[in-house]
Amino acid sequence: MQSITLRQLRDTKQVKTWLRAGVHIEVRERGEVIGDLVPRTPPKPAVEWPDFEARLKRNFGDRVLPGADLLIEEREKSRY
């Protein structure tokens, strides 16, 4: 749970970031809690990204792909 003062509430960008992340915020004045900001929606679960490095290794093994050389070669062929 985050805690902010009334003065810090002016930084709406930070407050919106916390609320979108699902963080409960206590609003304080002179050390005393005067209110709460609670997000409406539950936080979204983290996205599981595939292991691109493992997929690349599975498909191509330890080969080094000459990508730049192939691109230059293709561009030279298409020149007029």
PDB file of N, CA and C in Angstrom:
ATOM      1  N   MET A   1       0.845  -1.170   0.000  1.00  0.00           N
ATOM      2  CA  MET A   1       0.000   0.000   0.000  1.00  0.00           C
ATOM      3  C   MET A   1       0.895   1.239   0.000  1.00  0.00           C
ATOM      4  N   GLN A   2       0.604   2.135  -0.904  1.00  0.00           N
ATOM      5  CA  GLN A   2       1.360   3.377  -1.006  1.00  0.00           C
ATOM      6  C   GLN A   2       0.706   4.442  -0.134  1.00  0.00           C
ATOM      7  N   SER A   3       1.489   5.405   0.284  1.00  0.00           N
ATOM      8  CA  SER A   3       0.996   6.502   1.094  1.00  0.00           C
ATOM      9  C   SER A   3       1.501   7.807   0.482  1.00  0.00           C
ATOM     10  N   ILE A   4       0.583   8.773   0.286  1.00  0.00           N
ATOM     11  CA  ILE A   4       0.968  10.058  -0.287  1.00  0.00           C
ATOM     12  C   ILE A   4       0.320  11.179   0.512  1.00  0.00           C
ATOM     13  N   THR A   5       0.873  12.373   0.351  1.00  0.00           N
ATOM     14  CA  THR A   5       0.303  13.548   1.009  1.00  0.00           C
ATOM     15  C   THR A   5      -0.590  14.286   0.023  1.00  0.00           C
ATOM     16  N   LEU A   6      -1.313  15.269   0.548  1.00  0.00           N
ATOM     17  CA  LEU A   6      -2.179  16.072  -0.328  1.00  0.00           C
ATOM     18  C   LEU A   6      -1.363  16.802  -1.392  1.00  0.00           C
ATOM     19  N   ARG A   7      -0.185  17.261  -1.029  1.00  0.00           N
ATOM     20  CA  ARG A   7       0.666  17.963  -1.979  1.00  0.00           C
ATOM     21  C   ARG A   7       1.106  17.034  -3.111  1.00  0.00           C
ATOM     22  N   GLN A   8       1.402  15.770  -2.749  1.00  0.00           N
ATOM     23  CA  GLN A   8       1.828  14.813  -3.758  1.00  0.00           C
ATOM     24  C   GLN A   8       0.693  14.387  -4.682  1.00  0.00           C
ATOM     25  N   LEU A   9      -0.541  14.630  -4.287  1.00  0.00           N
ATOM     26  CA  LEU A   9      -1.682  14.309  -5.146  1.00  0.00           C
ATOM     27  C   LEU A   9      -1.664  15.116  -6.437  1.00  0.00           C
ATOM     28  N   ARG A  10      -0.931  16.217  -6.450  1.00  0.00           N
ATOM     29  CA  ARG A  10      -0.829  17.029  -7.663  1.00  0.00           C
ATOM     30  C   ARG A  10      -0.147  16.272  -8.795  1.00  0.00           C
ATOM     31  N   ASP A  11       0.691  15.297  -8.428  1.00  0.00           N
ATOM     32  CA  ASP A  11       1.376  14.486  -9.436  1.00  0.00           C
ATOM     33  C   ASP A  11       0.423  13.392  -9.900  1.00  0.00           C
ATOM     34  N   THR A  12      -0.547  13.782 -10.719  1.00  0.00           N
ATOM     35  CA  THR A  12      -1.592  12.837 -11.124  1.00  0.00           C
ATOM     36  C   THR A  12      -1.036  11.692 -11.967  1.00  0.00           C
ATOM     37  N   LYS A  13       0.062  11.911 -12.648  1.00  0.00           N
ATOM     38  CA  LYS A  13       0.634  10.853 -13.477  1.00  0.00           C
ATOM     39  C   LYS A  13       1.058   9.665 -12.612  1.00  0.00           C
ATOM     40  N   GLN A  14       1.708   9.945 -11.497  1.00  0.00           N
ATOM     41  CA  GLN A  14       2.140   8.874 -10.592  1.00  0.00           C
ATOM     42  C   GLN A  14       0.943   8.189  -9.948  1.00  0.00           C
ATOM     43  N   VAL A  15      -0.046   8.972  -9.546  1.00  0.00           N
ATOM     44  CA  VAL A  15      -1.237   8.402  -8.910  1.00  0.00           C
ATOM     45  C   VAL A  15      -1.968   7.493  -9.896  1.00  0.00           C
ATOM     46  N   LYS A  16      -2.137   7.931 -11.146  1.00  0.00           N
ATOM     47  CA  LYS A  16      -2.803   7.100 -12.153  1.00  0.00           C
ATOM     48  C   LYS A  16      -2.024   5.824 -12.424  1.00  0.00           C
ATOM     49  N   THR A  17      -0.709   5.902 -12.433  1.00  0.00           N
ATOM     50  CA  THR A  17       0.116   4.718 -12.653  1.00  0.00           C
ATOM     51  C   THR A  17      -0.103   3.698 -11.544  1.00  0.00           C
ATOM     52  N   TRP A  18      -0.106   4.168 -10.307  1.00  0.00           N
ATOM     53  CA  TRP A  18      -0.329   3.270  -9.169  1.00  0.00           C
ATOM     54  C   TRP A  18      -1.723   2.647  -9.232  1.00  0.00           C
ATOM     55  N   LEU A  19      -2.737   3.466  -9.512  1.00  0.00           N
ATOM     56  CA  LEU A  19      -4.102   2.949  -9.548  1.00  0.00           C
ATOM     57  C   LEU A  19      -4.289   1.933 -10.672  1.00  0.00           C
ATOM     58  N   ARG A  20      -3.693   2.196 -11.818  1.00  0.00           N
ATOM     59  CA  ARG A  20      -3.786   1.231 -12.929  1.00  0.00           C
ATOM     60  C   ARG A  20      -3.064  -0.070 -12.598  1.00  0.00           C
ATOM     61  N   ALA A  21      -2.059   0.010 -11.740  1.00  0.00           N
ATOM     62  CA  ALA A  21      -1.334  -1.194 -11.320  1.00  0.00           C
ATOM     63  C   ALA A  21      -2.058  -1.918 -10.196  1.00  0.00           C
ATOM     64  N   GLY A  22      -3.173  -1.348  -9.725  1.00  0.00           N
ATOM     65  CA  GLY A  22      -3.949  -1.997  -8.677  1.00  0.00           C
ATOM     66  C   GLY A  22      -3.476  -1.707  -7.270  1.00  0.00           C
ATOM     67  N   VAL A  23      -2.761  -0.605  -7.079  1.00  0.00           N
ATOM     68  CA  VAL A  23      -2.214  -0.263  -5.762  1.00  0.00           C
ATOM     69  C   VAL A  23      -3.222   0.561  -4.967  1.00  0.00           C
ATOM     70  N   HIS A  24      -3.445   0.182  -3.721  1.00  0.00           N
ATOM     71  CA  HIS A  24      -4.288   0.932  -2.786  1.00  0.00           C
ATOM     72  C   HIS A  24      -3.436   2.091  -2.246  1.00  0.00           C
ATOM     73  N   ILE A  25      -3.984   3.317  -2.268  1.00  0.00           N
ATOM     74  CA  ILE A  25      -3.220   4.501  -1.861  1.00  0.00           C
ATOM     75  C   ILE A  25      -3.885   5.152  -0.659  1.00  0.00           C
ATOM     76  N   GLU A  26      -3.096   5.428   0.377  1.00  0.00           N
ATOM     77  CA  GLU A  26      -3.562   6.189   1.538  1.00  0.00           C
ATOM     78  C   GLU A  26      -3.205   7.652   1.333  1.00  0.00           C
ATOM     79  N   VAL A  27      -4.165   8.540   1.559  1.00  0.00           N
ATOM     80  CA  VAL A  27      -3.908   9.979   1.478  1.00  0.00           C
ATOM     81  C   VAL A  27      -3.732  10.487   2.900  1.00  0.00           C
ATOM     82  N   ARG A  28      -2.622  11.159   3.150  1.00  0.00           N
ATOM     83  CA  ARG A  28      -2.294  11.628   4.502  1.00  0.00           C
ATOM     84  C   ARG A  28      -2.145  13.145   4.537  1.00  0.00           C
ATOM     85  N   GLU A  29      -2.461  13.697   5.703  1.00  0.00           N
ATOM     86  CA  GLU A  29      -2.219  15.113   5.978  1.00  0.00           C
ATOM     87  C   GLU A  29      -1.597  15.190   7.357  1.00  0.00           C
ATOM     88  N   ARG A  30      -0.368  15.681   7.402  1.00  0.00           N
ATOM     89  CA  ARG A  30       0.395  15.776   8.647  1.00  0.00           C
ATOM     90  C   ARG A  30       0.476  14.437   9.377  1.00  0.00           C
ATOM     91  N   GLY A  31       0.711  13.380   8.595  1.00  0.00           N
ATOM     92  CA  GLY A  31       0.907  12.062   9.173  1.00  0.00           C
ATOM     93  C   GLY A  31      -0.372  11.299   9.494  1.00  0.00           C
ATOM     94  N   GLU A  32      -1.532  11.945   9.365  1.00  0.00           N
ATOM     95  CA  GLU A  32      -2.804  11.302   9.687  1.00  0.00           C
ATOM     96  C   GLU A  32      -3.512  10.889   8.400  1.00  0.00           C
ATOM     97  N   VAL A  33      -4.004   9.670   8.357  1.00  0.00           N
ATOM     98  CA  VAL A  33      -4.729   9.189   7.177  1.00  0.00           C
ATOM     99  C   VAL A  33      -6.082   9.880   7.121  1.00  0.00           C
ATOM    100  N   ILE A  34      -6.345  10.559   5.983  1.00  0.00           N
ATOM    101  CA  ILE A  34      -7.630  11.253   5.833  1.00  0.00           C
ATOM    102  C   ILE A  34      -8.479  10.639   4.729  1.00  0.00           C
ATOM    103  N   GLY A  35      -7.910   9.709   3.969  1.00  0.00           N
ATOM    104  CA  GLY A  35      -8.692   9.086   2.909  1.00  0.00           C
ATOM    105  C   GLY A  35      -7.929   7.975   2.216  1.00  0.00           C
ATOM    106  N   ASP A  36      -8.652   7.243   1.407  1.00  0.00           N
ATOM    107  CA  ASP A  36      -8.068   6.151   0.635  1.00  0.00           C
ATOM    108  C   ASP A  36      -8.455   6.290  -0.822  1.00  0.00           C
ATOM    109  N   LEU A  37      -7.549   5.929  -1.696  1.00  0.00           N
ATOM    110  CA  LEU A  37      -7.836   5.807  -3.120  1.00  0.00           C
ATOM    111  C   LEU A  37      -7.690   4.328  -3.461  1.00  0.00           C
ATOM    112  N   VAL A  38      -8.794   3.754  -3.903  1.00  0.00           N
ATOM    113  CA  VAL A  38      -8.815   2.326  -4.192  1.00  0.00           C
ATOM    114  C   VAL A  38      -9.129   2.135  -5.669  1.00  0.00           C
ATOM    115  N   PRO A  39      -8.341   1.337  -6.379  1.00  0.00           N
ATOM    116  CA  PRO A  39      -8.613   1.120  -7.801  1.00  0.00           C
ATOM    117  C   PRO A  39      -9.923   0.349  -7.995  1.00  0.00           C
ATOM    118  N   ARG A  40     -10.635   0.653  -9.064  1.00  0.00           N
ATOM    119  CA  ARG A  40     -11.904  -0.016  -9.344  1.00  0.00           C
ATOM    120  C   ARG A  40     -11.704  -1.411  -9.919  1.00  0.00           C
ATOM    121  N   THR A  41     -10.794  -1.524 -10.830  1.00  0.00           N
ATOM    122  CA  THR A  41     -10.592  -2.807 -11.496  1.00  0.00           C
ATOM    123  C   THR A  41      -9.436  -3.549 -10.842  1.00  0.00           C
ATOM    124  N   PRO A  42      -9.518  -4.869 -10.784  1.00  0.00           N
ATOM    125  CA  PRO A  42      -8.375  -5.623 -10.254  1.00  0.00           C
ATOM    126  C   PRO A  42      -7.198  -5.515 -11.196  1.00  0.00           C
ATOM    127  N   PRO A  43      -5.993  -5.622 -10.679  1.00  0.00           N
ATOM    128  CA  PRO A  43      -4.823  -5.516 -11.568  1.00  0.00           C
ATOM    129  C   PRO A  43      -4.799  -6.660 -12.570  1.00  0.00           C
ATOM    130  N   LYS A  44      -4.323  -6.347 -13.773  1.00  0.00           N
ATOM    131  CA  LYS A  44      -4.221  -7.355 -14.822  1.00  0.00           C
ATOM    132  C   LYS A  44      -3.052  -8.280 -14.522  1.00  0.00           C
ATOM    133  N   PRO A  45      -3.240  -9.558 -14.785  1.00  0.00           N
ATOM    134  CA  PRO A  45      -2.112 -10.479 -14.562  1.00  0.00           C
ATOM    135  C   PRO A  45      -1.001 -10.207 -15.569  1.00  0.00           C
ATOM    136  N   ALA A  46       0.204 -10.506 -15.159  1.00  0.00           N
ATOM    137  CA  ALA A  46       1.349 -10.289 -16.043  1.00  0.00           C
ATOM    138  C   ALA A  46       1.242 -11.206 -17.259  1.00  0.00           C
ATOM    139  N   VAL A  47       1.651 -10.687 -18.390  1.00  0.00           N
ATOM    140  CA  VAL A  47       1.597 -11.450 -19.639  1.00  0.00           C
ATOM    141  C   VAL A  47       2.800 -12.379 -19.704  1.00  0.00           C
ATOM    142  N   GLU A  48       2.536 -13.635 -20.022  1.00  0.00           N
ATOM    143  CA  GLU A  48       3.620 -14.598 -20.185  1.00  0.00           C
ATOM    144  C   GLU A  48       4.121 -14.538 -21.626  1.00  0.00           C
ATOM    145  N   TRP A  49       5.316 -14.061 -21.807  1.00  0.00           N
ATOM    146  CA  TRP A  49       5.909 -13.989 -23.135  1.00  0.00           C
ATOM    147  C   TRP A  49       6.589 -15.316 -23.455  1.00  0.00           C
ATOM    148  N   PRO A  50       6.519 -15.732 -24.709  1.00  0.00           N
ATOM    149  CA  PRO A  50       7.212 -16.970 -25.078  1.00  0.00           C
ATOM    150  C   PRO A  50       8.720 -16.779 -25.010  1.00  0.00           C
ATOM    151  N   ASP A  51       9.418 -17.880 -24.875  1.00  0.00           N
ATOM    152  CA  ASP A  51      10.875 -17.841 -24.809  1.00  0.00           C
ATOM    153  C   ASP A  51      11.413 -17.800 -26.240  1.00  0.00           C
ATOM    154  N   PHE A  52      11.611 -16.596 -26.770  1.00  0.00           N
ATOM    155  CA  PHE A  52      12.036 -16.437 -28.151  1.00  0.00           C
ATOM    156  C   PHE A  52      13.430 -16.999 -28.384  1.00  0.00           C
ATOM    157  N   GLU A  53      14.294 -16.863 -27.406  1.00  0.00           N
ATOM    158  CA  GLU A  53      15.656 -17.370 -27.564  1.00  0.00           C
ATOM    159  C   GLU A  53      15.655 -18.894 -27.694  1.00  0.00           C
ATOM    160  N   ALA A  54      14.846 -19.568 -26.880  1.00  0.00           N
ATOM    161  CA  ALA A  54      14.770 -21.033 -26.957  1.00  0.00           C
ATOM    162  C   ALA A  54      14.171 -21.471 -28.290  1.00  0.00           C
ATOM    163  N   ARG A  55      13.162 -20.736 -28.768  1.00  0.00           N
ATOM    164  CA  ARG A  55      12.546 -21.067 -30.060  1.00  0.00           C
ATOM    165  C   ARG A  55      13.559 -20.896 -31.200  1.00  0.00           C
ATOM    166  N   LEU A  56      14.326 -19.824 -31.158  1.00  0.00           N
ATOM    167  CA  LEU A  56      15.339 -19.581 -32.181  1.00  0.00           C
ATOM    168  C   LEU A  56      16.388 -20.684 -32.173  1.00  0.00           C
ATOM    169  N   LYS A  57      16.813 -21.077 -30.972  1.00  0.00           N
ATOM    170  CA  LYS A  57      17.818 -22.127 -30.854  1.00  0.00           C
ATOM    171  C   LYS A  57      17.261 -23.465 -31.342  1.00  0.00           C
ATOM    172  N   ARG A  58      15.985 -23.746 -31.051  1.00  0.00           N
ATOM    173  CA  ARG A  58      15.354 -24.984 -31.500  1.00  0.00           C
ATOM    174  C   ARG A  58      15.250 -25.030 -33.021  1.00  0.00           C
ATOM    175  N   ASN A  59      14.907 -23.899 -33.639  1.00  0.00           N
ATOM    176  CA  ASN A  59      14.715 -23.868 -35.088  1.00  0.00           C
ATOM    177  C   ASN A  59      16.021 -23.821 -35.872  1.00  0.00           C
ATOM    178  N   PHE A  60      17.007 -23.086 -35.374  1.00  0.00           N
ATOM    179  CA  PHE A  60      18.221 -22.862 -36.149  1.00  0.00           C
ATOM    180  C   PHE A  60      19.477 -23.437 -35.512  1.00  0.00           C
ATOM    181  N   GLY A  61      19.387 -23.948 -34.304  1.00  0.00           N
ATOM    182  CA  GLY A  61      20.561 -24.501 -33.641  1.00  0.00           C
ATOM    183  C   GLY A  61      21.553 -23.401 -33.304  1.00  0.00           C
ATOM    184  N   ASP A  62      22.843 -23.715 -33.485  1.00  0.00           N
ATOM    185  CA  ASP A  62      23.897 -22.746 -33.165  1.00  0.00           C
ATOM    186  C   ASP A  62      24.349 -21.947 -34.384  1.00  0.00           C
ATOM    187  N   ARG A  63      23.622 -22.076 -35.487  1.00  0.00           N
ATOM    188  CA  ARG A  63      24.016 -21.338 -36.691  1.00  0.00           C
ATOM    189  C   ARG A  63      23.882 -19.839 -36.482  1.00  0.00           C
ATOM    190  N   VAL A  64      24.787 -19.108 -37.090  1.00  0.00           N
ATOM    191  CA  VAL A  64      24.707 -17.652 -37.084  1.00  0.00           C
ATOM    192  C   VAL A  64      24.118 -17.249 -38.423  1.00  0.00           C
ATOM    193  N   LEU A  65      22.991 -16.567 -38.367  1.00  0.00           N
ATOM    194  CA  LEU A  65      22.299 -16.196 -39.593  1.00  0.00           C
ATOM    195  C   LEU A  65      22.843 -14.873 -40.121  1.00  0.00           C
ATOM    196  N   PRO A  66      23.283 -14.862 -41.381  1.00  0.00           N
ATOM    197  CA  PRO A  66      23.839 -13.628 -41.961  1.00  0.00           C
ATOM    198  C   PRO A  66      22.727 -12.716 -42.455  1.00  0.00           C
ATOM    199  N   GLY A  67      21.960 -12.154 -41.540  1.00  0.00           N
ATOM    200  CA  GLY A  67      20.804 -11.343 -41.907  1.00  0.00           C
ATOM    201  C   GLY A  67      21.158 -10.093 -42.680  1.00  0.00           C
ATOM    202  N   ALA A  68      22.157  -9.376 -42.252  1.00  0.00           N
ATOM    203  CA  ALA A  68      22.521  -8.129 -42.927  1.00  0.00           C
ATOM    204  C   ALA A  68      23.043  -8.409 -44.322  1.00  0.00           C
ATOM    205  N   ASP A  69      23.829  -9.468 -44.466  1.00  0.00           N
ATOM    206  CA  ASP A  69      24.365  -9.803 -45.785  1.00  0.00           C
ATOM    207  C   ASP A  69      23.242 -10.154 -46.753  1.00  0.00           C
ATOM    208  N   LEU A  70      22.250 -10.919 -46.291  1.00  0.00           N
ATOM    209  CA  LEU A  70      21.122 -11.289 -47.144  1.00  0.00           C
ATOM    210  C   LEU A  70      20.309 -10.062 -47.542  1.00  0.00           C
ATOM    211  N   LEU A  71      20.116  -9.140 -46.627  1.00  0.00           N
ATOM    212  CA  LEU A  71      19.357  -7.929 -46.915  1.00  0.00           C
ATOM    213  C   LEU A  71      20.066  -7.087 -47.972  1.00  0.00           C
ATOM    214  N   ILE A  72      21.362  -6.912 -47.823  1.00  0.00           N
ATOM    215  CA  ILE A  72      22.137  -6.129 -48.804  1.00  0.00           C
ATOM    216  C   ILE A  72      22.087  -6.808 -50.164  1.00  0.00           C
ATOM    217  N   GLU A  73      22.213  -8.126 -50.167  1.00  0.00           N
ATOM    218  CA  GLU A  73      22.186  -8.877 -51.417  1.00  0.00           C
ATOM    219  C   GLU A  73      20.840  -8.729 -52.125  1.00  0.00           C
ATOM    220  N   GLU A  74      19.750  -8.809 -51.377  1.00  0.00           N
ATOM    221  CA  GLU A  74      18.411  -8.667 -51.953  1.00  0.00           C
ATOM    222  C   GLU A  74      18.185  -7.257 -52.490  1.00  0.00           C
ATOM    223  N   ARG A  75      18.665  -6.262 -51.786  1.00  0.00           N
ATOM    224  CA  ARG A  75      18.479  -4.882 -52.237  1.00  0.00           C
ATOM    225  C   ARG A  75      19.274  -4.603 -53.499  1.00  0.00           C
ATOM    226  N   GLU A  76      20.444  -5.217 -53.638  1.00  0.00           N
ATOM    227  CA  GLU A  76      21.247  -5.011 -54.847  1.00  0.00           C
ATOM    228  C   GLU A  76      20.575  -5.636 -56.047  1.00  0.00           C
ATOM    229  N   LYS A  77      19.871  -6.740 -55.859  1.00  0.00           N
ATOM    230  CA  LYS A  77      19.180  -7.418 -56.962  1.00  0.00           C
ATOM    231  C   LYS A  77      18.006  -6.577 -57.471  1.00  0.00           C
ATOM    232  N   SER A  78      17.344  -5.861 -56.566  1.00  0.00           N
ATOM    233  CA  SER A  78      16.129  -5.142 -56.949  1.00  0.00           C
ATOM    234  C   SER A  78      16.423  -3.724 -57.460  1.00  0.00           C
ATOM    235  N   ARG A  79      17.683  -3.325 -57.488  1.00  0.00           N
ATOM    236  CA  ARG A  79      17.989  -1.993 -57.994  1.00  0.00           C
ATOM    237  C   ARG A  79      17.804  -1.940 -59.503  1.00  0.00           C
ATOM    238  N   TYR A  80      17.421  -0.798 -59.998  1.00  0.00           N
ATOM    239  CA  TYR A  80      17.200  -0.641 -61.430  1.00  0.00           C
ATOM    240  C   TYR A  80      18.313   0.118 -62.070  1.00  0.00           C
TER     241      TYR A  80
END
